[in-house]
């Protein structure tokens, strides 16, 4: 029973730390462009190196900054 006096506050502190980390990441913009990385992996960088325009992704990379 005495172990619960340690485990419950420890679990609450870890939960609050996880919530704080999530809110920090949310405010820092970590979740702003979820589709950009998924689209970038599909297209080669060769088009940019050869001077051709890359296929449109629907968003520009600098539009949110």
PDB file of N, CA and C in Angstrom:
ATOM      1  N   UNK A   1       0.812  -1.191   0.000  1.00  0.00           N
ATOM      2  CA  UNK A   1       0.000   0.000   0.000  1.00  0.00           C
ATOM      3  C   UNK A   1       0.865   1.268   0.000  1.00  0.00           C
ATOM      4  N   UNK A   2       2.011   1.197   0.655  1.00  0.00           N
ATOM      5  CA  UNK A   2       2.867   2.374   0.714  1.00  0.00           C
ATOM      6  C   UNK A   2       3.521   2.666  -0.644  1.00  0.00           C
ATOM      7  N   UNK A   3       3.609   1.637  -1.473  1.00  0.00           N
ATOM      8  CA  UNK A   3       4.186   1.877  -2.801  1.00  0.00           C
ATOM      9  C   UNK A   3       3.259   2.736  -3.661  1.00  0.00           C
ATOM     10  N   UNK A   4       1.961   2.703  -3.396  1.00  0.00           N
ATOM     11  CA  UNK A   4       1.020   3.553  -4.139  1.00  0.00           C
ATOM     12  C   UNK A   4       1.246   5.027  -3.840  1.00  0.00           C
ATOM     13  N   UNK A   5       1.758   5.329  -2.661  1.00  0.00           N
ATOM     14  CA  UNK A   5       2.048   6.716  -2.321  1.00  0.00           C
ATOM     15  C   UNK A   5       3.175   7.287  -3.176  1.00  0.00           C
ATOM     16  N   UNK A   6       3.982   6.423  -3.737  1.00  0.00           N
ATOM     17  CA  UNK A   6       5.058   6.853  -4.623  1.00  0.00           C
ATOM     18  C   UNK A   6       4.637   6.746  -6.082  1.00  0.00           C
ATOM     19  N   UNK A   7       3.954   5.657  -6.436  1.00  0.00           N
ATOM     20  CA  UNK A   7       3.627   5.393  -7.832  1.00  0.00           C
ATOM     21  C   UNK A   7       2.571   6.349  -8.394  1.00  0.00           C
ATOM     22  N   UNK A   8       1.572   6.702  -7.626  1.00  0.00           N
ATOM     23  CA  UNK A   8       0.510   7.587  -8.139  1.00  0.00           C
ATOM     24  C   UNK A   8       1.044   8.986  -8.433  1.00  0.00           C
ATOM     25  N   UNK A   9       1.768   9.632  -7.526  1.00  0.00           N
ATOM     26  CA  UNK A   9       2.344  10.938  -7.886  1.00  0.00           C
ATOM     27  C   UNK A   9       3.350  10.855  -9.026  1.00  0.00           C
ATOM     28  N   UNK A  10       4.114   9.767  -9.091  1.00  0.00           N
ATOM     29  CA  UNK A  10       5.071   9.604 -10.188  1.00  0.00           C
ATOM     30  C   UNK A  10       4.333   9.497 -11.520  1.00  0.00           C
ATOM     31  N   UNK A  11       3.240   8.757 -11.555  1.00  0.00           N
ATOM     32  CA  UNK A  11       2.456   8.619 -12.784  1.00  0.00           C
ATOM     33  C   UNK A  11       1.833   9.953 -13.178  1.00  0.00           C
ATOM     34  N   UNK A  12       1.361  10.701 -12.204  1.00  0.00           N
ATOM     35  CA  UNK A  12       0.777  12.017 -12.499  1.00  0.00           C
ATOM     36  C   UNK A  12       1.839  12.980 -13.028  1.00  0.00           C
ATOM     37  N   UNK A  13       3.014  12.955 -12.438  1.00  0.00           N
ATOM     38  CA  UNK A  13       4.097  13.821 -12.917  1.00  0.00           C
ATOM     39  C   UNK A  13       4.533  13.455 -14.332  1.00  0.00           C
ATOM     40  N   UNK A  14       4.637  12.170 -14.630  1.00  0.00           N
ATOM     41  CA  UNK A  14       5.006  11.747 -15.976  1.00  0.00           C
ATOM     42  C   UNK A  14       3.927  12.127 -16.989  1.00  0.00           C
ATOM     43  N   UNK A  15       2.668  12.005 -16.599  1.00  0.00           N
ATOM     44  CA  UNK A  15       1.577  12.409 -17.486  1.00  0.00           C
ATOM     45  C   UNK A  15       1.597  13.901 -17.757  1.00  0.00           C
ATOM     46  N   UNK A  16       1.842  14.700 -16.735  1.00  0.00           N
ATOM     47  CA  UNK A  16       1.923  16.149 -16.914  1.00  0.00           C
ATOM     48  C   UNK A  16       3.144  16.536 -17.761  1.00  0.00           C
ATOM     49  N   UNK A  17       4.244  15.810 -17.593  1.00  0.00           N
ATOM     50  CA  UNK A  17       5.430  16.084 -18.417  1.00  0.00           C
ATOM     51  C   UNK A  17       5.150  15.762 -19.880  1.00  0.00           C
ATOM     52  N   UNK A  18       4.449  14.671 -20.153  1.00  0.00           N
ATOM     53  CA  UNK A  18       4.082  14.327 -21.521  1.00  0.00           C
ATOM     54  C   UNK A  18       3.140  15.351 -22.130  1.00  0.00           C
ATOM     55  N   UNK A  19       2.179  15.815 -21.347  1.00  0.00           N
ATOM     56  CA  UNK A  19       1.252  16.846 -21.817  1.00  0.00           C
ATOM     57  C   UNK A  19       1.992  18.149 -22.098  1.00  0.00           C
ATOM     58  N   UNK A  20       2.918  18.515 -21.234  1.00  0.00           N
ATOM     59  CA  UNK A  20       3.704  19.730 -21.447  1.00  0.00           C
ATOM     60  C   UNK A  20       4.556  19.613 -22.708  1.00  0.00           C
ATOM     61  N   UNK A  21       5.148  18.452 -22.949  1.00  0.00           N
ATOM     62  CA  UNK A  21       5.957  18.255 -24.160  1.00  0.00           C
ATOM     63  C   UNK A  21       5.084  18.336 -25.409  1.00  0.00           C
ATOM     64  N   UNK A  22       3.892  17.774 -25.352  1.00  0.00           N
ATOM     65  CA  UNK A  22       2.977  17.842 -26.499  1.00  0.00           C
ATOM     66  C   UNK A  22       2.560  19.280 -26.762  1.00  0.00           C
ATOM     67  N   UNK A  23       2.217  20.022 -25.734  1.00  0.00           N
ATOM     68  CA  UNK A  23       1.794  21.410 -25.926  1.00  0.00           C
ATOM     69  C   UNK A  23       2.953  22.268 -26.437  1.00  0.00           C
ATOM     70  N   UNK A  24       4.159  22.002 -25.974  1.00  0.00           N
ATOM     71  CA  UNK A  24       5.329  22.726 -26.475  1.00  0.00           C
ATOM     72  C   UNK A  24       5.526  22.447 -27.964  1.00  0.00           C
ATOM     73  N   UNK A  25       5.417  21.176 -28.359  1.00  0.00           N
ATOM     74  CA  UNK A  25       5.585  20.826 -29.771  1.00  0.00           C
ATOM     75  C   UNK A  25       4.477  21.438 -30.619  1.00  0.00           C
ATOM     76  N   UNK A  26       3.286  21.496 -30.093  1.00  0.00           N
ATOM     77  CA  UNK A  26       2.165  22.092 -30.818  1.00  0.00           C
ATOM     78  C   UNK A  26       2.394  23.580 -31.032  1.00  0.00           C
ATOM     79  N   UNK A  27       2.860  24.282 -30.017  1.00  0.00           N
ATOM     80  CA  UNK A  27       3.125  25.718 -30.145  1.00  0.00           C
ATOM     81  C   UNK A  27       4.354  26.013 -30.994  1.00  0.00           C
ATOM     82  N   UNK A  28       5.292  25.073 -31.058  1.00  0.00           N
ATOM     83  CA  UNK A  28       6.507  25.268 -31.841  1.00  0.00           C
ATOM     84  C   UNK A  28       6.293  24.976 -33.322  1.00  0.00           C
ATOM     85  N   UNK A  29       5.108  24.500 -33.689  1.00  0.00           N
ATOM     86  CA  UNK A  29       4.798  24.273 -35.093  1.00  0.00           C
ATOM     87  C   UNK A  29       5.215  22.914 -35.617  1.00  0.00           C
ATOM     88  N   UNK A  30       5.400  21.942 -34.758  1.00  0.00           N
ATOM     89  CA  UNK A  30       5.825  20.620 -35.195  1.00  0.00           C
ATOM     90  C   UNK A  30       4.755  19.906 -36.018  1.00  0.00           C
ATOM     91  N   UNK A  31       3.499  20.294 -35.866  1.00  0.00           N
ATOM     92  CA  UNK A  31       2.408  19.602 -36.542  1.00  0.00           C
ATOM     93  C   UNK A  31       1.761  20.465 -37.613  1.00  0.00           C
ATOM     94  N   UNK A  32       2.452  21.507 -38.082  1.00  0.00           N
ATOM     95  CA  UNK A  32       1.862  22.413 -39.065  1.00  0.00           C
ATOM     96  C   UNK A  32       1.729  21.788 -40.448  1.00  0.00           C
ATOM     97  N   UNK A  33       2.739  21.083 -40.907  1.00  0.00           N
ATOM     98  CA  UNK A  33       2.744  20.556 -42.269  1.00  0.00           C
ATOM     99  C   UNK A  33       2.885  19.038 -42.232  1.00  0.00           C
ATOM    100  N   UNK A  34       1.789  18.342 -41.985  1.00  0.00           N
ATOM    101  CA  UNK A  34       1.844  16.892 -41.890  1.00  0.00           C
ATOM    102  C   UNK A  34       1.929  16.231 -43.254  1.00  0.00           C
ATOM    103  N   UNK A  35       1.419  16.884 -44.289  1.00  0.00           N
ATOM    104  CA  UNK A  35       1.404  16.276 -45.616  1.00  0.00           C
ATOM    105  C   UNK A  35       2.681  16.574 -46.397  1.00  0.00           C
ATOM    106  N   UNK A  36       3.414  17.590 -46.022  1.00  0.00           N
ATOM    107  CA  UNK A  36       4.611  17.972 -46.770  1.00  0.00           C
ATOM    108  C   UNK A  36       5.664  16.889 -46.792  1.00  0.00           C
ATOM    109  N   UNK A  37       5.964  16.295 -45.656  1.00  0.00           N
ATOM    110  CA  UNK A  37       6.980  15.248 -45.608  1.00  0.00           C
ATOM    111  C   UNK A  37       6.518  14.014 -46.371  1.00  0.00           C
ATOM    112  N   UNK A  38       5.237  13.711 -46.297  1.00  0.00           N
ATOM    113  CA  UNK A  38       4.717  12.559 -47.033  1.00  0.00           C
ATOM    114  C   UNK A  38       4.812  12.790 -48.535  1.00  0.00           C
ATOM    115  N   UNK A  39       4.597  14.007 -48.986  1.00  0.00           N
ATOM    116  CA  UNK A  39       4.690  14.299 -50.415  1.00  0.00           C
ATOM    117  C   UNK A  39       6.135  14.401 -50.880  1.00  0.00           C
ATOM    118  N   UNK A  40       7.007  14.938 -50.052  1.00  0.00           N
ATOM    119  CA  UNK A  40       8.403  15.103 -50.450  1.00  0.00           C
ATOM    120  C   UNK A  40       9.100  13.769 -50.661  1.00  0.00           C
ATOM    121  N   UNK A  41       8.695  12.749 -49.940  1.00  0.00           N
ATOM    122  CA  UNK A  41       9.361  11.462 -50.085  1.00  0.00           C
ATOM    123  C   UNK A  41       9.000  10.793 -51.412  1.00  0.00           C
ATOM    124  N   UNK A  42       7.891  11.194 -52.022  1.00  0.00           N
ATOM    125  CA  UNK A  42       7.438  10.569 -53.262  1.00  0.00           C
ATOM    126  C   UNK A  42       8.168  11.086 -54.495  1.00  0.00           C
ATOM    127  N   UNK A  43       8.749  12.266 -54.422  1.00  0.00           N
ATOM    128  CA  UNK A  43       9.334  12.889 -55.596  1.00  0.00           C
ATOM    129  C   UNK A  43      10.854  12.977 -55.450  1.00  0.00           C
ATOM    130  N   UNK A  44      11.541  12.747 -56.573  1.00  0.00           N
ATOM    131  CA  UNK A  44      13.000  12.803 -56.576  1.00  0.00           C
ATOM    132  C   UNK A  44      13.476  14.245 -56.608  1.00  0.00           C
ATOM    133  N   UNK A  45      14.681  14.458 -56.112  1.00  0.00           N
ATOM    134  CA  UNK A  45      15.298  15.771 -56.184  1.00  0.00           C
ATOM    135  C   UNK A  45      15.965  16.003 -57.537  1.00  0.00           C
ATOM    136  N   UNK A  46      15.999  14.987 -58.391  1.00  0.00           N
ATOM    137  CA  UNK A  46      16.636  15.116 -59.692  1.00  0.00           C
ATOM    138  C   UNK A  46      15.964  16.187 -60.551  1.00  0.00           C
ATOM    139  N   UNK A  47      14.678  16.357 -60.421  1.00  0.00           N
ATOM    140  CA  UNK A  47      13.965  17.360 -61.208  1.00  0.00           C
ATOM    141  C   UNK A  47      14.475  18.756 -60.868  1.00  0.00           C
ATOM    142  N   UNK A  48      14.782  19.018 -59.616  1.00  0.00           N
ATOM    143  CA  UNK A  48      15.299  20.316 -59.216  1.00  0.00           C
ATOM    144  C   UNK A  48      16.735  20.501 -59.706  1.00  0.00           C
ATOM    145  N   UNK A  49      17.520  19.433 -59.690  1.00  0.00           N
ATOM    146  CA  UNK A  49      18.914  19.530 -60.118  1.00  0.00           C
ATOM    147  C   UNK A  49      19.035  19.757 -61.620  1.00  0.00           C
ATOM    148  N   UNK A  50      18.106  19.201 -62.410  1.00  0.00           N
ATOM    149  CA  UNK A  50      18.155  19.344 -63.859  1.00  0.00           C
ATOM    150  C   UNK A  50      17.528  20.649 -64.332  1.00  0.00           C
ATOM    151  N   UNK A  51      16.979  21.411 -63.440  1.00  0.00           N
ATOM    152  CA  UNK A  51      16.388  22.689 -63.809  1.00  0.00           C
ATOM    153  C   UNK A  51      14.903  22.618 -64.097  1.00  0.00           C
ATOM    154  N   UNK A  52      14.328  21.424 -64.057  1.00  0.00           N
ATOM    155  CA  UNK A  52      12.889  21.310 -64.250  1.00  0.00           C
ATOM    156  C   UNK A  52      12.188  21.646 -62.945  1.00  0.00           C
ATOM    157  N   UNK A  53      10.968  22.105 -63.080  1.00  0.00           N
ATOM    158  CA  UNK A  53      10.183  22.410 -61.888  1.00  0.00           C
ATOM    159  C   UNK A  53       9.695  21.103 -61.275  1.00  0.00           C
ATOM    160  N   UNK A  54       9.750  20.984 -59.956  1.00  0.00           N
ATOM    161  CA  UNK A  54       9.236  19.770 -59.320  1.00  0.00           C
ATOM    162  C   UNK A  54       7.717  19.735 -59.419  1.00  0.00           C
ATOM    163  N   UNK A  55       7.128  18.565 -59.298  1.00  0.00           N
ATOM    164  CA  UNK A  55       5.669  18.472 -59.344  1.00  0.00           C
ATOM    165  C   UNK A  55       5.050  19.272 -58.216  1.00  0.00           C
ATOM    166  N   UNK A  56       3.896  19.872 -58.454  1.00  0.00           N
ATOM    167  CA  UNK A  56       3.266  20.672 -57.399  1.00  0.00           C
ATOM    168  C   UNK A  56       2.797  19.793 -56.248  1.00  0.00           C
ATOM    169  N   UNK A  57       2.977  20.311 -55.028  1.00  0.00           N
ATOM    170  CA  UNK A  57       2.555  19.580 -53.843  1.00  0.00           C
ATOM    171  C   UNK A  57       1.312  20.193 -53.221  1.00  0.00           C
ATOM    172  N   UNK A  58       0.840  21.284 -53.759  1.00  0.00           N
ATOM    173  CA  UNK A  58      -0.341  21.923 -53.203  1.00  0.00           C
ATOM    174  C   UNK A  58      -0.011  23.023 -52.211  1.00  0.00           C
ATOM    175  N   UNK A  59       1.198  22.997 -51.680  1.00  0.00           N
ATOM    176  CA  UNK A  59       1.633  24.014 -50.713  1.00  0.00           C
ATOM    177  C   UNK A  59       3.076  24.356 -51.007  1.00  0.00           C
ATOM    178  N   UNK A  60       3.421  25.586 -50.781  1.00  0.00           N
ATOM    179  CA  UNK A  60       4.830  25.933 -50.890  1.00  0.00           C
ATOM    180  C   UNK A  60       5.483  25.722 -49.536  1.00  0.00           C
ATOM    181  N   UNK A  61       6.758  25.446 -49.539  1.00  0.00           N
ATOM    182  CA  UNK A  61       7.445  25.127 -48.288  1.00  0.00           C
ATOM    183  C   UNK A  61       7.581  26.349 -47.385  1.00  0.00           C
ATOM    184  N   UNK A  62       7.634  27.541 -47.942  1.00  0.00           N
ATOM    185  CA  UNK A  62       7.842  28.755 -47.141  1.00  0.00           C
ATOM    186  C   UNK A  62       6.543  29.507 -46.875  1.00  0.00           C
ATOM    187  N   UNK A  63       5.403  28.960 -47.247  1.00  0.00           N
ATOM    188  CA  UNK A  63       4.156  29.710 -47.104  1.00  0.00           C
ATOM    189  C   UNK A  63       3.741  29.882 -45.650  1.00  0.00           C
ATOM    190  N   UNK A  64       4.154  28.971 -44.774  1.00  0.00           N
ATOM    191  CA  UNK A  64       3.727  29.045 -43.378  1.00  0.00           C
ATOM    192  C   UNK A  64       4.700  29.824 -42.506  1.00  0.00           C
ATOM    193  N   UNK A  65       5.811  30.247 -43.052  1.00  0.00           N
ATOM    194  CA  UNK A  65       6.822  30.905 -42.228  1.00  0.00           C
ATOM    195  C   UNK A  65       6.687  32.378 -42.279  1.00  0.00           C
TER     196      UNK A  65
END
